[in-house]
N, C-alpha and C. Protein backbone atom coordinates (compact mmCIF):
# COMPACT_ATOMS: atom_id res chain seq x y z
N MET A 1 -62.34 26.11 -7.15
CA MET A 1 -62.91 27.42 -6.37
C MET A 1 -61.42 27.71 -5.39
N PRO A 2 -61.07 28.85 -5.72
CA PRO A 2 -59.87 28.63 -4.38
C PRO A 2 -60.72 29.63 -3.23
N SER A 3 -60.09 28.74 -2.10
CA SER A 3 -60.31 29.22 -0.83
C SER A 3 -60.26 30.54 -0.58
N SER A 4 -60.88 31.29 -0.03
CA SER A 4 -60.66 32.42 0.71
C SER A 4 -59.81 32.86 1.84
N SER A 5 -60.37 31.32 2.58
CA SER A 5 -59.94 32.05 4.01
C SER A 5 -57.85 31.98 3.85
N PRO A 6 -57.87 32.79 5.36
CA PRO A 6 -56.38 33.21 5.43
C PRO A 6 -55.20 31.49 5.84
N GLN A 7 -56.05 30.77 5.87
CA GLN A 7 -55.03 29.52 6.43
C GLN A 7 -54.47 28.87 4.99
N SER A 8 -55.37 28.78 4.03
CA SER A 8 -55.06 27.96 2.68
C SER A 8 -53.94 29.00 2.28
N ALA A 9 -53.93 30.20 1.88
CA ALA A 9 -53.30 31.39 1.25
C ALA A 9 -51.97 31.17 1.87
N GLN A 10 -51.68 30.50 3.37
CA GLN A 10 -50.06 30.94 3.72
C GLN A 10 -49.89 29.08 3.55
N ASP A 11 -50.96 28.26 3.50
CA ASP A 11 -50.48 26.78 2.81
C ASP A 11 -49.76 26.75 1.51
N CYS A 12 -50.19 27.47 0.86
CA CYS A 12 -49.63 27.24 -0.54
C CYS A 12 -48.18 28.24 -0.52
N THR A 13 -48.11 29.19 0.25
CA THR A 13 -46.89 29.68 0.17
C THR A 13 -45.98 29.38 1.30
N HIS A 14 -46.36 28.92 2.07
CA HIS A 14 -44.99 27.96 3.03
C HIS A 14 -44.83 26.86 2.45
N VAL A 15 -43.60 26.51 2.51
CA VAL A 15 -42.44 25.38 2.02
C VAL A 15 -41.85 24.91 3.02
N SER A 16 -41.72 23.67 3.49
CA SER A 16 -41.80 22.96 4.85
C SER A 16 -40.49 22.21 4.09
N ILE A 17 -39.38 21.38 4.80
CA ILE A 17 -38.45 20.71 4.33
C ILE A 17 -38.68 19.31 4.42
N ASN A 18 -39.95 18.67 5.17
CA ASN A 18 -40.71 17.78 4.88
C ASN A 18 -41.15 17.17 3.67
N ASP A 19 -41.42 18.44 2.92
CA ASP A 19 -41.94 18.59 1.42
C ASP A 19 -41.12 18.04 0.29
N PHE A 20 -39.46 17.82 0.59
CA PHE A 20 -38.70 17.11 0.05
C PHE A 20 -37.70 16.18 0.63
N PRO A 21 -38.54 15.00 0.68
CA PRO A 21 -37.77 14.38 1.68
C PRO A 21 -36.60 13.94 0.98
N GLU A 22 -36.13 14.06 -0.40
CA GLU A 22 -33.89 13.55 -0.75
C GLU A 22 -33.27 14.82 0.04
N VAL A 23 -34.01 15.89 0.39
CA VAL A 23 -33.17 17.03 0.81
C VAL A 23 -32.90 17.19 2.59
N HIS A 24 -34.07 16.58 2.98
CA HIS A 24 -34.20 16.10 4.08
C HIS A 24 -33.38 14.45 4.24
N ILE A 25 -33.33 13.66 3.66
CA ILE A 25 -32.31 12.65 3.85
C ILE A 25 -30.71 12.95 3.78
N GLN A 26 -30.67 13.78 2.67
CA GLN A 26 -29.17 14.52 2.39
C GLN A 26 -28.57 15.26 4.26
N ILE A 27 -29.85 16.08 4.32
CA ILE A 27 -29.10 16.77 5.86
C ILE A 27 -28.69 16.11 6.56
N SER A 28 -29.97 14.97 6.75
CA SER A 28 -29.69 14.42 7.53
C SER A 28 -28.47 13.09 7.86
N ASN A 29 -28.04 13.04 6.66
CA ASN A 29 -26.95 12.12 6.51
C ASN A 29 -25.28 12.78 6.75
N ILE A 30 -25.57 14.12 6.52
CA ILE A 30 -24.67 15.32 6.58
C ILE A 30 -24.42 15.36 8.05
N GLU A 31 -25.33 15.33 9.08
CA GLU A 31 -25.59 15.72 10.35
C GLU A 31 -24.66 14.27 11.02
N ASN A 32 -25.17 13.02 10.43
CA ASN A 32 -24.70 12.18 11.18
C ASN A 32 -23.59 11.92 10.82
N THR A 33 -22.78 12.41 9.53
CA THR A 33 -21.42 11.83 9.42
C THR A 33 -20.86 13.15 10.59
N GLU A 34 -20.78 14.39 10.27
CA GLU A 34 -20.37 15.14 11.47
C GLU A 34 -20.28 14.90 12.83
N ARG A 35 -22.06 14.07 13.59
CA ARG A 35 -21.92 13.31 14.75
C ARG A 35 -20.36 12.35 14.79
N LYS A 36 -20.68 11.43 13.46
CA LYS A 36 -19.55 10.52 13.71
C LYS A 36 -17.63 10.99 14.09
N ARG A 37 -17.92 11.97 13.29
CA ARG A 37 -16.57 12.11 13.11
C ARG A 37 -15.99 12.82 14.72
N GLU A 38 -17.13 13.66 15.20
CA GLU A 38 -17.32 14.33 16.58
C GLU A 38 -16.53 13.22 17.36
N LYS A 39 -17.56 12.39 17.63
CA LYS A 39 -17.30 10.99 18.24
C LYS A 39 -15.89 10.90 17.96
N GLN A 40 -15.51 10.19 17.06
CA GLN A 40 -14.30 9.38 16.80
C GLN A 40 -13.04 10.72 17.33
N THR A 41 -13.59 12.00 17.04
CA THR A 41 -12.45 12.98 17.66
C THR A 41 -12.08 13.10 19.28
N TYR A 42 -13.54 12.86 19.97
CA TYR A 42 -13.68 12.69 21.18
C TYR A 42 -12.77 11.79 21.73
N MET A 43 -13.39 10.35 20.92
CA MET A 43 -12.54 9.09 21.89
C MET A 43 -11.01 8.90 21.38
N MET A 44 -10.57 9.32 20.27
CA MET A 44 -9.20 9.62 20.20
C MET A 44 -8.48 10.40 21.17
N ALA A 45 -9.29 11.65 21.66
CA ALA A 45 -8.76 12.79 22.57
C ALA A 45 -8.37 11.97 24.25
N LEU A 46 -9.34 10.98 24.33
CA LEU A 46 -9.43 10.47 25.48
C LEU A 46 -8.47 9.38 25.43
N ASP A 47 -8.15 8.60 24.22
CA ASP A 47 -7.15 7.37 24.01
C ASP A 47 -5.80 8.19 23.86
N GLY A 48 -5.68 9.81 23.76
CA GLY A 48 -4.35 10.42 24.03
C GLY A 48 -4.07 10.35 22.24
N ILE A 49 -4.68 9.85 21.55
CA ILE A 49 -4.34 10.60 20.05
C ILE A 49 -4.38 11.85 19.38
N ASP A 50 -3.55 12.10 18.89
CA ASP A 50 -3.41 13.30 18.25
C ASP A 50 -4.28 13.18 16.83
N VAL A 51 -5.24 14.03 16.45
CA VAL A 51 -5.97 13.58 15.36
C VAL A 51 -5.33 14.71 14.09
N GLU A 52 -4.92 15.98 14.27
CA GLU A 52 -4.00 16.29 13.35
C GLU A 52 -2.73 16.19 13.43
N ASP A 53 -2.25 15.96 12.04
CA ASP A 53 -0.88 15.98 12.16
C ASP A 53 0.59 16.77 12.62
N ASP A 54 1.21 16.54 13.13
CA ASP A 54 2.30 18.05 14.04
C ASP A 54 3.65 17.41 13.01
N GLU A 55 4.24 18.51 13.63
CA GLU A 55 5.60 18.25 12.68
C GLU A 55 6.38 16.98 13.25
N GLN A 56 6.67 16.21 13.87
CA GLN A 56 6.94 14.87 14.36
C GLN A 56 6.54 13.62 13.35
N ASP A 57 5.38 13.57 13.40
CA ASP A 57 4.76 13.22 12.19
C ASP A 57 5.36 12.78 11.20
N THR A 58 5.10 14.06 10.65
CA THR A 58 6.16 14.26 9.45
C THR A 58 7.07 13.80 8.91
N ILE A 59 7.96 14.02 10.16
CA ILE A 59 9.23 13.68 10.19
C ILE A 59 9.00 12.08 10.05
N PHE A 60 8.64 11.52 11.08
CA PHE A 60 8.48 10.25 10.95
C PHE A 60 8.29 9.60 9.76
N THR A 61 6.74 9.84 9.43
CA THR A 61 6.64 9.36 7.99
C THR A 61 7.60 9.18 7.35
N LYS A 62 8.51 10.44 7.00
CA LYS A 62 9.33 10.96 6.13
C LYS A 62 10.59 9.76 6.08
N LEU A 63 10.73 9.69 7.80
CA LEU A 63 11.79 8.83 7.52
C LEU A 63 11.27 7.42 7.41
N SER A 64 10.33 7.06 7.60
CA SER A 64 9.95 5.80 7.88
C SER A 64 10.07 5.26 6.15
N ILE A 65 9.39 6.33 5.46
CA ILE A 65 9.45 5.88 3.92
C ILE A 65 10.84 6.16 3.19
N ASP A 66 11.60 6.42 3.97
CA ASP A 66 13.26 6.22 3.39
C ASP A 66 14.29 4.74 3.96
N SER A 67 13.59 4.81 5.18
CA SER A 67 14.22 3.35 5.42
C SER A 67 13.57 2.43 4.76
N VAL A 68 12.49 2.22 4.29
CA VAL A 68 12.02 1.11 3.42
C VAL A 68 12.37 1.11 2.44
N TYR A 69 12.63 2.58 1.51
CA TYR A 69 13.73 2.08 0.05
C TYR A 69 14.48 2.07 0.44
N SER A 70 15.43 2.43 1.41
CA SER A 70 17.15 2.04 1.55
C SER A 70 16.93 0.54 1.90
N SER A 71 16.08 -0.09 2.58
CA SER A 71 16.13 -1.49 2.58
C SER A 71 15.56 -2.27 0.90
N TYR A 72 14.84 -1.43 0.39
CA TYR A 72 14.70 -2.27 -1.16
C TYR A 72 16.10 -2.03 -1.84
N LEU A 73 16.46 -1.06 -1.61
CA LEU A 73 17.79 -0.59 -2.23
C LEU A 73 18.96 -1.96 -2.17
N ALA A 74 18.74 -1.56 -0.60
CA ALA A 74 20.08 -2.66 -0.50
C ALA A 74 20.03 -4.07 -0.92
N ALA A 75 18.18 -4.58 -0.81
CA ALA A 75 18.34 -5.90 -1.26
C ALA A 75 17.98 -6.15 -2.78
N ARG A 76 17.71 -4.87 -3.16
CA ARG A 76 17.87 -4.96 -5.20
C ARG A 76 19.81 -5.83 -5.27
N THR A 77 20.22 -4.73 -4.79
CA THR A 77 21.79 -4.91 -4.44
C THR A 77 22.62 -6.36 -4.54
N ARG A 78 22.21 -7.12 -3.31
CA ARG A 78 22.25 -7.84 -3.01
C ARG A 78 22.12 -9.09 -4.28
N VAL A 79 21.08 -8.90 -4.77
CA VAL A 79 20.22 -9.83 -5.44
C VAL A 79 21.37 -9.90 -6.77
N ARG A 80 21.41 -8.41 -7.32
CA ARG A 80 22.52 -8.56 -8.20
C ARG A 80 23.60 -9.12 -8.20
N GLN A 81 24.12 -8.61 -6.85
CA GLN A 81 25.38 -9.57 -6.68
C GLN A 81 25.97 -11.39 -6.34
N TYR A 82 24.52 -11.57 -5.70
CA TYR A 82 24.11 -12.75 -5.68
C TYR A 82 24.08 -13.67 -7.18
N THR A 83 23.56 -12.70 -8.61
CA THR A 83 23.29 -13.08 -9.63
C THR A 83 24.81 -13.26 -10.23
N GLN A 84 25.35 -12.21 -10.00
CA GLN A 84 26.81 -12.00 -10.31
C GLN A 84 27.43 -13.04 -10.32
N LEU A 85 27.78 -13.42 -8.58
CA LEU A 85 28.08 -14.69 -8.11
C LEU A 85 28.09 -16.27 -8.90
N LEU A 86 26.84 -16.29 -9.11
CA LEU A 86 26.08 -17.46 -10.02
C LEU A 86 27.01 -17.33 -11.55
N LEU A 87 26.82 -16.67 -12.07
CA LEU A 87 27.44 -16.35 -13.40
C LEU A 87 28.94 -16.87 -13.37
N LEU A 88 29.51 -15.92 -12.58
CA LEU A 88 30.69 -16.72 -12.20
C LEU A 88 31.01 -17.97 -11.72
N LEU A 89 30.36 -18.51 -10.89
CA LEU A 89 30.21 -19.96 -10.66
C LEU A 89 30.15 -20.82 -11.85
N LYS A 90 28.80 -20.33 -12.52
CA LYS A 90 28.41 -21.34 -13.78
C LYS A 90 29.69 -21.17 -15.13
N HIS A 91 30.92 -20.20 -15.11
CA HIS A 91 31.78 -20.03 -15.89
C HIS A 91 32.95 -21.04 -15.53
N GLU A 92 33.18 -21.56 -14.14
CA GLU A 92 33.89 -21.97 -13.62
C GLU A 92 33.62 -23.27 -13.89
N GLU A 93 32.50 -23.56 -13.25
CA GLU A 93 31.85 -25.07 -13.49
C GLU A 93 32.17 -25.86 -15.06
N ASP A 94 31.88 -24.01 -15.83
CA ASP A 94 32.36 -24.94 -17.96
C ASP A 94 33.32 -25.20 -18.02
N ALA A 95 34.27 -24.04 -17.17
CA ALA A 95 35.93 -24.17 -17.80
C ALA A 95 36.08 -25.70 -17.30
N TRP A 96 35.93 -26.28 -16.05
CA TRP A 96 36.09 -27.32 -15.52
C TRP A 96 35.96 -28.89 -16.21
N ALA A 97 34.70 -28.39 -17.13
CA ALA A 97 33.70 -29.23 -17.75
C ALA A 97 34.59 -29.65 -19.13
N GLN A 98 35.55 -27.89 -19.59
CA GLN A 98 36.24 -28.57 -20.82
C GLN A 98 37.37 -29.16 -20.55
N ARG A 99 37.81 -28.60 -19.20
CA ARG A 99 39.31 -29.48 -19.03
C ARG A 99 39.09 -30.80 -18.66
N VAL A 100 38.37 -31.04 -17.97
CA VAL A 100 37.73 -32.78 -17.76
C VAL A 100 38.01 -33.22 -19.26
N THR A 101 37.07 -32.55 -20.64
CA THR A 101 36.84 -33.49 -21.52
C THR A 101 37.88 -33.58 -22.26
N LYS A 102 38.80 -31.85 -22.00
CA LYS A 102 40.31 -32.31 -22.92
C LYS A 102 40.88 -33.64 -21.80
N ALA A 103 41.02 -33.77 -21.07
CA ALA A 103 41.70 -34.56 -20.45
C ALA A 103 41.44 -36.34 -20.56
N SER A 104 40.21 -36.46 -20.80
CA SER A 104 39.60 -37.75 -21.13
C SER A 104 40.19 -38.26 -22.35
N CYS A 105 40.11 -36.97 -23.51
CA CYS A 105 40.20 -37.02 -24.78
C CYS A 105 41.87 -37.71 -24.98
N LEU A 106 43.01 -36.80 -23.86
CA LEU A 106 44.07 -37.56 -23.96
C LEU A 106 44.51 -38.54 -22.98
N MET A 107 43.23 -39.09 -22.24
CA MET A 107 43.44 -40.50 -20.99
C MET A 107 41.99 -41.07 -20.84
N PRO A 108 41.76 -41.81 -22.51
CA PRO A 108 40.37 -42.26 -22.53
C PRO A 108 40.21 -43.29 -21.65
N GLU A 109 40.87 -43.97 -20.72
CA GLU A 109 40.37 -44.66 -20.02
C GLU A 109 40.47 -44.28 -18.06
N TYR A 110 40.71 -43.22 -18.42
CA TYR A 110 40.83 -42.20 -16.82
C TYR A 110 39.26 -41.96 -16.79
N LYS A 111 39.05 -42.74 -15.63
CA LYS A 111 37.62 -41.95 -14.98
C LYS A 111 37.95 -41.47 -13.59
N PRO A 112 37.85 -39.64 -13.58
CA PRO A 112 38.24 -39.46 -11.71
C PRO A 112 36.71 -39.93 -11.03
N VAL A 113 37.73 -39.64 -9.92
CA VAL A 113 36.70 -40.58 -8.73
C VAL A 113 35.48 -39.51 -8.43
N GLY A 114 33.92 -39.90 -8.29
CA GLY A 114 33.07 -39.20 -7.56
C GLY A 114 32.87 -38.00 -9.20
N TRP A 115 32.94 -38.71 -10.07
CA TRP A 115 32.28 -37.72 -11.34
C TRP A 115 31.52 -37.96 -11.96
N VAL A 116 30.13 -37.48 -12.02
CA VAL A 116 29.37 -37.67 -12.59
C VAL A 116 28.83 -37.20 -13.90
N ALA A 117 28.64 -38.32 -14.76
CA ALA A 117 28.59 -37.30 -16.15
C ALA A 117 27.17 -37.62 -16.84
């Protein structure tokens, strides 16, 4: 049996945010996040740190990336050159080993000084 009092009729039509606790938690989280962001911005402003990027920051970032990439390319080139040098030295070593082998066939009793066989 419905009550005829005006108080109960208002209770039925009035909706409070407390009636939906998950919505209240989400709103509370959003507010906390915004407060944290404001506090960080304020602290950074006190420290003299700009929050927003300006043209100098963009140029600095671009030049830093270019510098790192150039260093990488230079290192890669040096590795390639050292690899080629090692290949040349290996070919020279093989050529000298063949010469020694041929010479030992001509003079079997000859042993070079300091030669490791």
